[in-house]
Amino acid sequence: MTNLNDLHKSLSILLGELEQQVTFRPQQLFVVGCSTSEVIGELIGTAGAMDVATVIYEELQKFAERHELYLAFQGCEHINRALTLEYTAAEKYQLEPVHVVPVKTAGGSMSAYAHTQMRQPVVVENVQAHAGIDIGQTLIGMHLKAVAVPIRTSVKTLGEAVVTVATTRPKLIGGVRAQYE
């Protein structure tokens, strides 16, 4: 069984290292993909854990508040990886809500928990986030801007789940004469 205190501590360290490497701007989108099943050492989509979702959500919410970010929680394949986020974020980014409520068995524990905690949650089909975290190889790449840049941290797993964090950058265009600075 995954120790929730260790999970909290590891996620806190990971986010601290991310903060040291990436400068966030207010109201950017930060996508979260998370298999709580993988965190507790089970196969993705087989053993959702709301207690794990609670710990992860609380730590990510503090992180988002520090940087004034909008969190977007990716659901599982059963809702086509749709994302739960605050209505204000959907409005700002002109994202069209869809009609579904994520639950543990269709959406996943993380997305379902986030849906219960947000002030005005909506679900949208797609985002183009500025950065994100993938806990348990949930494949968040489809929800990141075009040029994703992996960020290396000392934390490689959360519980038993492989964890990856990424930021994005604008595309570099032009040729040998182009300047970027």
N, C-alpha and C. Protein backbone atom coordinates (compact mmCIF):
# COMPACT_ATOMS: atom_id res chain seq x y z
N MET A 1 0.85 -1.20 0.00
CA MET A 1 0.00 0.00 0.00
C MET A 1 0.88 1.24 0.00
N THR A 2 0.50 2.20 -0.79
CA THR A 2 1.25 3.45 -0.90
C THR A 2 1.06 4.29 0.35
N ASN A 3 2.17 4.77 0.89
CA ASN A 3 2.13 5.64 2.05
C ASN A 3 1.76 7.04 1.57
N LEU A 4 0.64 7.55 2.06
CA LEU A 4 0.15 8.86 1.60
C LEU A 4 1.07 10.00 2.00
N ASN A 5 1.73 9.88 3.16
CA ASN A 5 2.67 10.92 3.57
C ASN A 5 3.88 10.96 2.64
N ASP A 6 4.36 9.77 2.24
CA ASP A 6 5.48 9.72 1.29
C ASP A 6 5.06 10.29 -0.06
N LEU A 7 3.84 9.98 -0.47
CA LEU A 7 3.31 10.50 -1.74
C LEU A 7 3.27 12.03 -1.71
N HIS A 8 2.74 12.57 -0.63
CA HIS A 8 2.68 14.03 -0.46
C HIS A 8 4.08 14.63 -0.53
N LYS A 9 5.01 14.04 0.18
CA LYS A 9 6.38 14.55 0.23
C LYS A 9 7.04 14.49 -1.14
N SER A 10 6.91 13.37 -1.84
CA SER A 10 7.52 13.22 -3.16
C SER A 10 6.95 14.22 -4.16
N LEU A 11 5.63 14.40 -4.14
CA LEU A 11 5.01 15.35 -5.06
C LEU A 11 5.44 16.77 -4.74
N SER A 12 5.56 17.09 -3.48
CA SER A 12 6.02 18.41 -3.06
C SER A 12 7.43 18.68 -3.57
N ILE A 13 8.31 17.69 -3.45
CA ILE A 13 9.69 17.83 -3.94
C ILE A 13 9.69 18.03 -5.45
N LEU A 14 8.93 17.19 -6.16
CA LEU A 14 8.86 17.27 -7.62
C LEU A 14 8.39 18.65 -8.06
N LEU A 15 7.32 19.14 -7.46
CA LEU A 15 6.79 20.45 -7.85
C LEU A 15 7.76 21.57 -7.50
N GLY A 16 8.48 21.43 -6.39
CA GLY A 16 9.50 22.42 -6.04
C GLY A 16 10.61 22.47 -7.08
N GLU A 17 11.05 21.30 -7.55
CA GLU A 17 12.08 21.26 -8.59
C GLU A 17 11.55 21.81 -9.91
N LEU A 18 10.29 21.55 -10.21
CA LEU A 18 9.67 22.11 -11.41
C LEU A 18 9.66 23.64 -11.33
N GLU A 19 9.29 24.17 -10.18
CA GLU A 19 9.25 25.62 -9.98
C GLU A 19 10.62 26.27 -10.17
N GLN A 20 11.68 25.54 -9.83
CA GLN A 20 13.02 26.08 -10.00
C GLN A 20 13.44 26.15 -11.47
N GLN A 21 12.81 25.34 -12.32
CA GLN A 21 13.23 25.25 -13.71
C GLN A 21 12.31 25.95 -14.70
N VAL A 22 11.07 26.23 -14.30
CA VAL A 22 10.08 26.79 -15.21
C VAL A 22 9.48 28.05 -14.61
N THR A 23 9.38 29.09 -15.41
CA THR A 23 8.70 30.31 -14.99
C THR A 23 7.29 30.27 -15.55
N PHE A 24 6.32 30.27 -14.67
CA PHE A 24 4.92 30.24 -15.07
C PHE A 24 4.35 31.65 -15.09
N ARG A 25 3.39 31.87 -15.98
CA ARG A 25 2.67 33.14 -16.03
C ARG A 25 1.25 32.90 -15.52
N PRO A 26 0.66 33.89 -14.87
CA PRO A 26 -0.70 33.73 -14.38
C PRO A 26 -1.67 33.31 -15.48
N GLN A 27 -2.59 32.46 -15.12
CA GLN A 27 -3.69 31.98 -15.96
C GLN A 27 -3.24 31.04 -17.08
N GLN A 28 -2.05 30.49 -16.96
CA GLN A 28 -1.66 29.44 -17.90
C GLN A 28 -2.37 28.15 -17.53
N LEU A 29 -2.50 27.26 -18.51
CA LEU A 29 -3.11 25.95 -18.30
C LEU A 29 -2.05 24.93 -17.92
N PHE A 30 -2.34 24.15 -16.91
CA PHE A 30 -1.45 23.07 -16.45
C PHE A 30 -2.26 21.79 -16.45
N VAL A 31 -1.93 20.86 -17.36
CA VAL A 31 -2.69 19.63 -17.49
C VAL A 31 -2.15 18.57 -16.53
N VAL A 32 -3.08 17.82 -15.94
CA VAL A 32 -2.74 16.76 -15.00
C VAL A 32 -3.34 15.46 -15.51
N GLY A 33 -2.48 14.51 -15.79
CA GLY A 33 -2.93 13.15 -16.09
C GLY A 33 -2.48 12.28 -14.94
N CYS A 34 -3.37 11.49 -14.39
CA CYS A 34 -3.00 10.71 -13.21
C CYS A 34 -3.79 9.41 -13.14
N SER A 35 -3.07 8.31 -13.06
CA SER A 35 -3.67 7.01 -12.76
C SER A 35 -3.41 6.71 -11.29
N THR A 36 -4.44 6.85 -10.48
CA THR A 36 -4.26 6.51 -9.07
C THR A 36 -4.03 5.01 -8.92
N SER A 37 -4.52 4.23 -9.86
CA SER A 37 -4.25 2.78 -9.85
C SER A 37 -2.75 2.53 -9.95
N GLU A 38 -2.10 3.19 -10.89
CA GLU A 38 -0.65 3.03 -11.06
C GLU A 38 0.10 3.49 -9.81
N VAL A 39 -0.36 4.56 -9.19
CA VAL A 39 0.30 5.06 -7.98
C VAL A 39 0.33 3.98 -6.89
N ILE A 40 -0.75 3.22 -6.78
CA ILE A 40 -0.80 2.18 -5.73
C ILE A 40 -0.26 0.83 -6.23
N GLY A 41 0.32 0.84 -7.43
CA GLY A 41 0.97 -0.38 -7.93
C GLY A 41 0.08 -1.32 -8.70
N GLU A 42 -1.06 -0.84 -9.14
CA GLU A 42 -1.98 -1.67 -9.92
C GLU A 42 -1.98 -1.20 -11.38
N LEU A 43 -2.55 -1.99 -12.24
CA LEU A 43 -2.65 -1.66 -13.65
C LEU A 43 -3.58 -0.47 -13.86
N ILE A 44 -3.19 0.44 -14.74
CA ILE A 44 -3.98 1.63 -15.01
C ILE A 44 -5.45 1.27 -15.25
N GLY A 45 -6.34 2.00 -14.61
CA GLY A 45 -7.77 1.82 -14.80
C GLY A 45 -8.41 0.66 -14.06
N THR A 46 -7.69 0.05 -13.12
CA THR A 46 -8.24 -1.14 -12.46
C THR A 46 -8.54 -0.99 -10.97
N ALA A 47 -7.96 0.02 -10.32
CA ALA A 47 -8.10 0.09 -8.86
C ALA A 47 -8.06 1.52 -8.37
N GLY A 48 -8.85 2.39 -8.96
CA GLY A 48 -8.85 3.80 -8.60
C GLY A 48 -8.89 4.02 -7.10
N ALA A 49 -8.15 5.03 -6.65
CA ALA A 49 -8.01 5.29 -5.21
C ALA A 49 -8.29 6.76 -4.92
N MET A 50 -9.45 7.01 -4.31
CA MET A 50 -9.83 8.39 -4.02
C MET A 50 -8.93 9.03 -2.96
N ASP A 51 -8.39 8.25 -2.03
CA ASP A 51 -7.49 8.82 -1.03
C ASP A 51 -6.20 9.33 -1.69
N VAL A 52 -5.72 8.62 -2.70
CA VAL A 52 -4.56 9.06 -3.45
C VAL A 52 -4.91 10.32 -4.25
N ALA A 53 -6.07 10.32 -4.89
CA ALA A 53 -6.52 11.50 -5.64
C ALA A 53 -6.60 12.72 -4.73
N THR A 54 -7.06 12.54 -3.52
CA THR A 54 -7.17 13.65 -2.56
C THR A 54 -5.81 14.27 -2.28
N VAL A 55 -4.82 13.45 -1.98
CA VAL A 55 -3.47 13.94 -1.66
C VAL A 55 -2.89 14.67 -2.86
N ILE A 56 -3.01 14.09 -4.03
CA ILE A 56 -2.45 14.70 -5.23
C ILE A 56 -3.16 16.00 -5.56
N TYR A 57 -4.47 16.01 -5.48
CA TYR A 57 -5.23 17.22 -5.78
C TYR A 57 -4.82 18.36 -4.84
N GLU A 58 -4.75 18.07 -3.56
CA GLU A 58 -4.44 19.13 -2.59
C GLU A 58 -3.07 19.74 -2.85
N GLU A 59 -2.09 18.91 -3.16
CA GLU A 59 -0.75 19.43 -3.42
C GLU A 59 -0.72 20.22 -4.73
N LEU A 60 -1.38 19.72 -5.76
CA LEU A 60 -1.42 20.43 -7.04
C LEU A 60 -2.20 21.74 -6.92
N GLN A 61 -3.23 21.76 -6.11
CA GLN A 61 -4.02 22.97 -5.93
C GLN A 61 -3.17 24.07 -5.27
N LYS A 62 -2.37 23.71 -4.29
CA LYS A 62 -1.47 24.69 -3.65
C LYS A 62 -0.46 25.23 -4.67
N PHE A 63 0.09 24.33 -5.47
CA PHE A 63 1.03 24.71 -6.53
C PHE A 63 0.36 25.68 -7.51
N ALA A 64 -0.85 25.35 -7.95
CA ALA A 64 -1.58 26.19 -8.89
C ALA A 64 -1.88 27.56 -8.30
N GLU A 65 -2.25 27.60 -7.04
CA GLU A 65 -2.53 28.88 -6.38
C GLU A 65 -1.29 29.75 -6.30
N ARG A 66 -0.13 29.14 -6.01
CA ARG A 66 1.12 29.91 -5.93
C ARG A 66 1.44 30.59 -7.26
N HIS A 67 1.10 29.93 -8.35
CA HIS A 67 1.46 30.45 -9.67
C HIS A 67 0.26 30.98 -10.45
N GLU A 68 -0.91 30.99 -9.83
CA GLU A 68 -2.15 31.45 -10.45
C GLU A 68 -2.43 30.70 -11.75
N LEU A 69 -2.27 29.38 -11.71
CA LEU A 69 -2.49 28.52 -12.88
C LEU A 69 -3.90 27.94 -12.87
N TYR A 70 -4.37 27.58 -14.04
CA TYR A 70 -5.60 26.81 -14.18
C TYR A 70 -5.21 25.34 -14.32
N LEU A 71 -5.73 24.49 -13.45
CA LEU A 71 -5.50 23.05 -13.56
C LEU A 71 -6.56 22.44 -14.47
N ALA A 72 -6.13 21.51 -15.30
CA ALA A 72 -7.04 20.76 -16.18
C ALA A 72 -6.74 19.28 -15.96
N PHE A 73 -7.70 18.55 -15.40
CA PHE A 73 -7.50 17.14 -15.05
C PHE A 73 -8.00 16.24 -16.16
N GLN A 74 -7.09 15.53 -16.78
CA GLN A 74 -7.43 14.63 -17.88
C GLN A 74 -8.15 13.40 -17.35
N GLY A 75 -9.26 13.08 -17.98
CA GLY A 75 -9.99 11.87 -17.65
C GLY A 75 -9.41 10.69 -18.41
N CYS A 76 -9.92 9.52 -18.12
CA CYS A 76 -9.40 8.31 -18.75
C CYS A 76 -10.00 8.11 -20.14
N GLU A 77 -9.58 7.04 -20.77
CA GLU A 77 -10.01 6.76 -22.15
C GLU A 77 -11.52 6.58 -22.28
N HIS A 78 -12.22 6.23 -21.19
CA HIS A 78 -13.66 6.00 -21.25
C HIS A 78 -14.46 7.28 -21.48
N ILE A 79 -13.82 8.42 -21.25
CA ILE A 79 -14.46 9.70 -21.62
C ILE A 79 -13.57 10.43 -22.64
N ASN A 80 -12.82 9.63 -23.40
CA ASN A 80 -11.96 10.14 -24.48
C ASN A 80 -10.93 11.16 -24.00
N ARG A 81 -10.44 10.97 -22.79
CA ARG A 81 -9.44 11.83 -22.17
C ARG A 81 -9.88 13.30 -22.08
N ALA A 82 -11.19 13.50 -21.97
CA ALA A 82 -11.72 14.85 -21.77
C ALA A 82 -11.18 15.39 -20.45
N LEU A 83 -11.23 16.70 -20.30
CA LEU A 83 -10.58 17.36 -19.15
C LEU A 83 -11.57 18.12 -18.29
N THR A 84 -11.37 18.02 -16.99
CA THR A 84 -12.16 18.76 -16.02
C THR A 84 -11.37 19.99 -15.60
N LEU A 85 -12.00 21.16 -15.69
CA LEU A 85 -11.36 22.39 -15.28
C LEU A 85 -12.42 23.38 -14.83
N GLU A 86 -11.97 24.48 -14.28
CA GLU A 86 -12.89 25.52 -13.83
C GLU A 86 -13.54 26.21 -15.03
N TYR A 87 -14.78 26.60 -14.84
CA TYR A 87 -15.53 27.32 -15.88
C TYR A 87 -14.78 28.56 -16.34
N THR A 88 -14.15 29.28 -15.41
CA THR A 88 -13.43 30.51 -15.78
C THR A 88 -12.29 30.22 -16.75
N ALA A 89 -11.63 29.07 -16.60
CA ALA A 89 -10.56 28.69 -17.52
C ALA A 89 -11.12 28.38 -18.90
N ALA A 90 -12.24 27.66 -18.93
CA ALA A 90 -12.88 27.35 -20.21
C ALA A 90 -13.30 28.63 -20.92
N GLU A 91 -13.83 29.58 -20.18
CA GLU A 91 -14.22 30.87 -20.76
C GLU A 91 -13.01 31.60 -21.32
N LYS A 92 -11.95 31.71 -20.53
CA LYS A 92 -10.76 32.43 -20.96
C LYS A 92 -10.19 31.85 -22.24
N TYR A 93 -10.14 30.54 -22.34
CA TYR A 93 -9.54 29.88 -23.50
C TYR A 93 -10.56 29.48 -24.56
N GLN A 94 -11.79 29.95 -24.42
CA GLN A 94 -12.87 29.69 -25.38
C GLN A 94 -13.02 28.20 -25.68
N LEU A 95 -13.10 27.41 -24.61
CA LEU A 95 -13.25 25.97 -24.72
C LEU A 95 -14.72 25.60 -24.55
N GLU A 96 -15.23 24.82 -25.45
CA GLU A 96 -16.64 24.42 -25.45
C GLU A 96 -16.85 23.25 -24.48
N PRO A 97 -17.68 23.44 -23.45
CA PRO A 97 -17.97 22.34 -22.54
C PRO A 97 -18.73 21.21 -23.24
N VAL A 98 -18.50 20.00 -22.76
CA VAL A 98 -19.25 18.82 -23.20
C VAL A 98 -20.04 18.31 -22.00
N HIS A 99 -20.98 17.44 -22.27
CA HIS A 99 -21.85 16.97 -21.20
C HIS A 99 -21.43 15.58 -20.75
N VAL A 100 -20.68 15.54 -19.65
CA VAL A 100 -20.30 14.30 -18.98
C VAL A 100 -19.82 14.67 -17.58
N VAL A 101 -20.06 13.80 -16.65
CA VAL A 101 -19.53 13.97 -15.29
C VAL A 101 -18.55 12.82 -15.05
N PRO A 102 -17.27 13.14 -14.84
CA PRO A 102 -16.32 12.06 -14.60
C PRO A 102 -16.61 11.35 -13.28
N VAL A 103 -16.56 10.04 -13.31
CA VAL A 103 -16.73 9.21 -12.12
C VAL A 103 -15.56 8.24 -12.07
N LYS A 104 -15.40 7.57 -10.96
CA LYS A 104 -14.27 6.67 -10.75
C LYS A 104 -14.12 5.66 -11.89
N THR A 105 -15.21 5.13 -12.40
CA THR A 105 -15.16 4.08 -13.42
C THR A 105 -15.22 4.61 -14.85
N ALA A 106 -15.45 5.88 -15.04
CA ALA A 106 -15.45 6.49 -16.39
C ALA A 106 -15.00 7.93 -16.23
N GLY A 107 -13.74 8.10 -16.29
CA GLY A 107 -13.12 9.41 -16.06
C GLY A 107 -11.92 9.25 -15.15
N GLY A 108 -12.04 8.33 -14.20
CA GLY A 108 -10.95 8.07 -13.28
C GLY A 108 -11.09 8.82 -11.98
N SER A 109 -10.46 8.27 -10.95
CA SER A 109 -10.55 8.85 -9.61
C SER A 109 -10.05 10.28 -9.54
N MET A 110 -8.95 10.58 -10.25
CA MET A 110 -8.37 11.93 -10.17
C MET A 110 -9.32 12.96 -10.76
N SER A 111 -9.81 12.70 -11.95
CA SER A 111 -10.73 13.63 -12.61
C SER A 111 -12.04 13.73 -11.84
N ALA A 112 -12.53 12.60 -11.35
CA ALA A 112 -13.78 12.58 -10.58
C ALA A 112 -13.63 13.39 -9.29
N TYR A 113 -12.52 13.20 -8.61
CA TYR A 113 -12.29 13.96 -7.36
C TYR A 113 -12.19 15.45 -7.66
N ALA A 114 -11.42 15.81 -8.68
CA ALA A 114 -11.28 17.22 -9.05
C ALA A 114 -12.65 17.84 -9.34
N HIS A 115 -13.50 17.10 -10.02
CA HIS A 115 -14.83 17.59 -10.36
C HIS A 115 -15.64 17.94 -9.11
N THR A 116 -15.43 17.20 -8.03
CA THR A 116 -16.17 17.47 -6.79
C THR A 116 -15.58 18.64 -6.00
N GLN A 117 -14.34 19.01 -6.29
CA GLN A 117 -13.66 20.04 -5.51
C GLN A 117 -13.70 21.43 -6.14
N MET A 118 -13.92 21.49 -7.41
CA MET A 118 -13.89 22.79 -8.11
C MET A 118 -15.16 23.58 -7.84
N ARG A 119 -15.02 24.92 -7.91
CA ARG A 119 -16.16 25.80 -7.69
C ARG A 119 -17.21 25.63 -8.78
N GLN A 120 -16.78 25.72 -10.03
CA GLN A 120 -17.68 25.59 -11.18
C GLN A 120 -17.01 24.69 -12.22
N PRO A 121 -17.02 23.38 -11.98
CA PRO A 121 -16.32 22.49 -12.92
C PRO A 121 -17.08 22.34 -14.23
N VAL A 122 -16.31 22.26 -15.31
CA VAL A 122 -16.84 21.90 -16.62
C VAL A 122 -15.87 20.88 -17.21
N VAL A 123 -16.35 20.16 -18.20
CA VAL A 123 -15.51 19.20 -18.90
C VAL A 123 -15.43 19.64 -20.36
N VAL A 124 -14.22 19.62 -20.89
CA VAL A 124 -13.98 19.99 -22.29
C VAL A 124 -13.23 18.85 -22.97
N GLU A 125 -13.32 18.82 -24.29
CA GLU A 125 -12.66 17.74 -25.03
C GLU A 125 -11.15 17.90 -25.15
N ASN A 126 -10.68 19.13 -25.33
CA ASN A 126 -9.26 19.36 -25.60
C ASN A 126 -8.79 20.65 -24.95
N VAL A 127 -7.52 20.68 -24.63
CA VAL A 127 -6.83 21.92 -24.27
C VAL A 127 -5.47 21.89 -24.95
N GLN A 128 -4.83 23.02 -24.98
CA GLN A 128 -3.43 23.13 -25.41
C GLN A 128 -2.70 23.78 -24.24
N ALA A 129 -2.32 22.95 -23.28
CA ALA A 129 -1.74 23.44 -22.02
C ALA A 129 -0.30 23.89 -22.20
N HIS A 130 0.10 24.77 -21.31
CA HIS A 130 1.45 25.32 -21.31
C HIS A 130 2.45 24.40 -20.63
N ALA A 131 1.96 23.53 -19.74
CA ALA A 131 2.82 22.60 -19.01
C ALA A 131 1.93 21.52 -18.42
N GLY A 132 2.55 20.50 -17.85
CA GLY A 132 1.74 19.46 -17.25
C GLY A 132 2.54 18.40 -16.53
N ILE A 133 1.81 17.53 -15.87
CA ILE A 133 2.38 16.40 -15.16
C ILE A 133 1.61 15.15 -15.55
N ASP A 134 2.36 14.08 -15.81
CA ASP A 134 1.78 12.80 -16.20
C ASP A 134 2.20 11.78 -15.15
N ILE A 135 1.24 11.32 -14.38
CA ILE A 135 1.49 10.36 -13.31
C ILE A 135 0.91 9.02 -13.72
N GLY A 136 1.78 8.07 -14.05
CA GLY A 136 1.30 6.75 -14.42
C GLY A 136 1.13 6.53 -15.90
N GLN A 137 1.84 7.29 -16.71
CA GLN A 137 1.84 7.14 -18.17
C GLN A 137 0.43 7.20 -18.77
N THR A 138 -0.26 8.30 -18.44
CA THR A 138 -1.62 8.51 -18.93
C THR A 138 -1.67 9.21 -20.28
N LEU A 139 -0.51 9.60 -20.80
CA LEU A 139 -0.38 10.18 -22.14
C LEU A 139 -1.03 11.55 -22.29
N ILE A 140 -0.48 12.53 -21.56
CA ILE A 140 -1.02 13.90 -21.61
C ILE A 140 -0.57 14.67 -22.84
N GLY A 141 0.33 14.13 -23.64
CA GLY A 141 0.91 14.87 -24.76
C GLY A 141 -0.11 15.47 -25.69
N MET A 142 -1.26 14.81 -25.86
CA MET A 142 -2.29 15.34 -26.75
C MET A 142 -2.89 16.64 -26.23
N HIS A 143 -2.62 16.97 -24.96
CA HIS A 143 -3.19 18.18 -24.37
C HIS A 143 -2.12 19.24 -24.06
N LEU A 144 -0.93 19.08 -24.65
CA LEU A 144 0.12 20.08 -24.50
C LEU A 144 0.28 20.85 -25.80
N LYS A 145 0.77 22.07 -25.70
CA LYS A 145 1.08 22.86 -26.90
C LYS A 145 2.09 22.08 -27.76
N ALA A 146 2.26 22.53 -28.99
CA ALA A 146 2.98 21.76 -30.01
C ALA A 146 4.41 21.36 -29.64
N VAL A 147 5.18 22.20 -28.98
CA VAL A 147 6.57 21.86 -28.68
C VAL A 147 6.71 21.61 -27.17
N ALA A 148 6.61 20.36 -26.79
CA ALA A 148 6.75 19.97 -25.39
C ALA A 148 8.23 19.79 -25.06
N VAL A 149 8.60 20.23 -23.86
CA VAL A 149 9.97 20.13 -23.39
C VAL A 149 9.95 19.39 -22.05
N PRO A 150 10.55 18.18 -21.99
CA PRO A 150 10.56 17.45 -20.72
C PRO A 150 11.41 18.18 -19.68
N ILE A 151 10.96 18.13 -18.46
CA ILE A 151 11.70 18.72 -17.34
C ILE A 151 12.18 17.56 -16.47
N ARG A 152 13.46 17.53 -16.18
CA ARG A 152 14.05 16.46 -15.37
C ARG A 152 13.99 16.84 -13.90
N THR A 153 13.51 15.92 -13.09
CA THR A 153 13.51 16.13 -11.64
C THR A 153 14.12 14.88 -10.99
N SER A 154 14.46 14.99 -9.73
CA SER A 154 15.01 13.84 -9.01
C SER A 154 13.92 12.81 -8.69
N VAL A 155 12.67 13.22 -8.73
CA VAL A 155 11.55 12.32 -8.43
C VAL A 155 11.12 11.65 -9.74
N LYS A 156 11.29 10.35 -9.80
CA LYS A 156 10.97 9.58 -11.02
C LYS A 156 9.66 8.82 -10.90
N THR A 157 9.20 8.60 -9.67
CA THR A 157 7.94 7.89 -9.44
C THR A 157 7.18 8.57 -8.31
N LEU A 158 5.87 8.45 -8.37
CA LEU A 158 5.00 8.84 -7.26
C LEU A 158 4.29 7.56 -6.86
N GLY A 159 4.57 7.07 -5.67
CA GLY A 159 4.14 5.74 -5.33
C GLY A 159 4.83 4.80 -6.29
N GLU A 160 4.06 3.98 -6.99
CA GLU A 160 4.62 3.05 -7.97
C GLU A 160 4.52 3.58 -9.40
N ALA A 161 3.96 4.76 -9.59
CA ALA A 161 3.71 5.29 -10.93
C ALA A 161 4.89 6.08 -11.46
N VAL A 162 5.25 5.83 -12.70
CA VAL A 162 6.24 6.64 -13.40
C VAL A 162 5.66 8.04 -13.55
N VAL A 163 6.50 9.06 -13.30
CA VAL A 163 6.02 10.44 -13.41
C VAL A 163 6.91 11.22 -14.36
N THR A 164 6.27 12.03 -15.19
CA THR A 164 6.96 12.89 -16.15
C THR A 164 6.34 14.27 -16.07
N VAL A 165 7.18 15.30 -16.11
CA VAL A 165 6.67 16.67 -16.18
C VAL A 165 7.24 17.34 -17.42
N ALA A 166 6.47 18.27 -17.95
CA ALA A 166 6.89 18.95 -19.17
C ALA A 166 6.38 20.38 -19.16
N THR A 167 7.10 21.21 -19.86
CA THR A 167 6.66 22.55 -20.17
C THR A 167 6.58 22.63 -21.70
N THR A 168 6.24 23.76 -22.23
CA THR A 168 6.21 23.92 -23.67
C THR A 168 6.92 25.22 -24.03
N ARG A 169 7.25 25.34 -25.28
CA ARG A 169 7.85 26.58 -25.79
C ARG A 169 7.27 26.87 -27.16
N PRO A 170 7.36 28.13 -27.60
CA PRO A 170 6.91 28.43 -28.96
C PRO A 170 7.77 27.70 -29.99
N LYS A 171 7.22 27.45 -31.15
CA LYS A 171 7.97 26.84 -32.25
C LYS A 171 9.08 27.81 -32.67
N LEU A 172 10.23 27.27 -33.02
CA LEU A 172 11.30 28.06 -33.61
C LEU A 172 11.11 27.96 -35.12
N ILE A 173 10.96 29.10 -35.77
CA ILE A 173 10.77 29.08 -37.23
C ILE A 173 11.86 29.91 -37.88
N GLY A 174 12.04 29.72 -39.14
CA GLY A 174 13.05 30.47 -39.87
C GLY A 174 14.19 29.55 -40.23
N GLY A 175 15.26 30.13 -40.64
CA GLY A 175 16.44 29.36 -41.06
C GLY A 175 17.67 29.90 -40.41
N VAL A 176 18.80 29.77 -41.11
CA VAL A 176 20.08 30.17 -40.56
C VAL A 176 20.17 31.65 -40.22
N ARG A 177 19.34 32.47 -40.86
CA ARG A 177 19.36 33.91 -40.58
C ARG A 177 18.44 34.31 -39.43
N ALA A 178 17.59 33.41 -39.00
CA ALA A 178 16.61 33.73 -37.95
C ALA A 178 17.32 33.96 -36.61
N GLN A 179 16.73 34.86 -35.83
CA GLN A 179 17.24 35.12 -34.49
C GLN A 179 16.14 34.86 -33.51
N TYR A 180 16.48 34.32 -32.34
CA TYR A 180 15.49 33.96 -31.35
C TYR A 180 15.62 34.74 -30.04
N GLU A 181 16.64 35.53 -29.95
CA GLU A 181 16.84 36.34 -28.73
C GLU A 181 16.85 37.79 -29.09
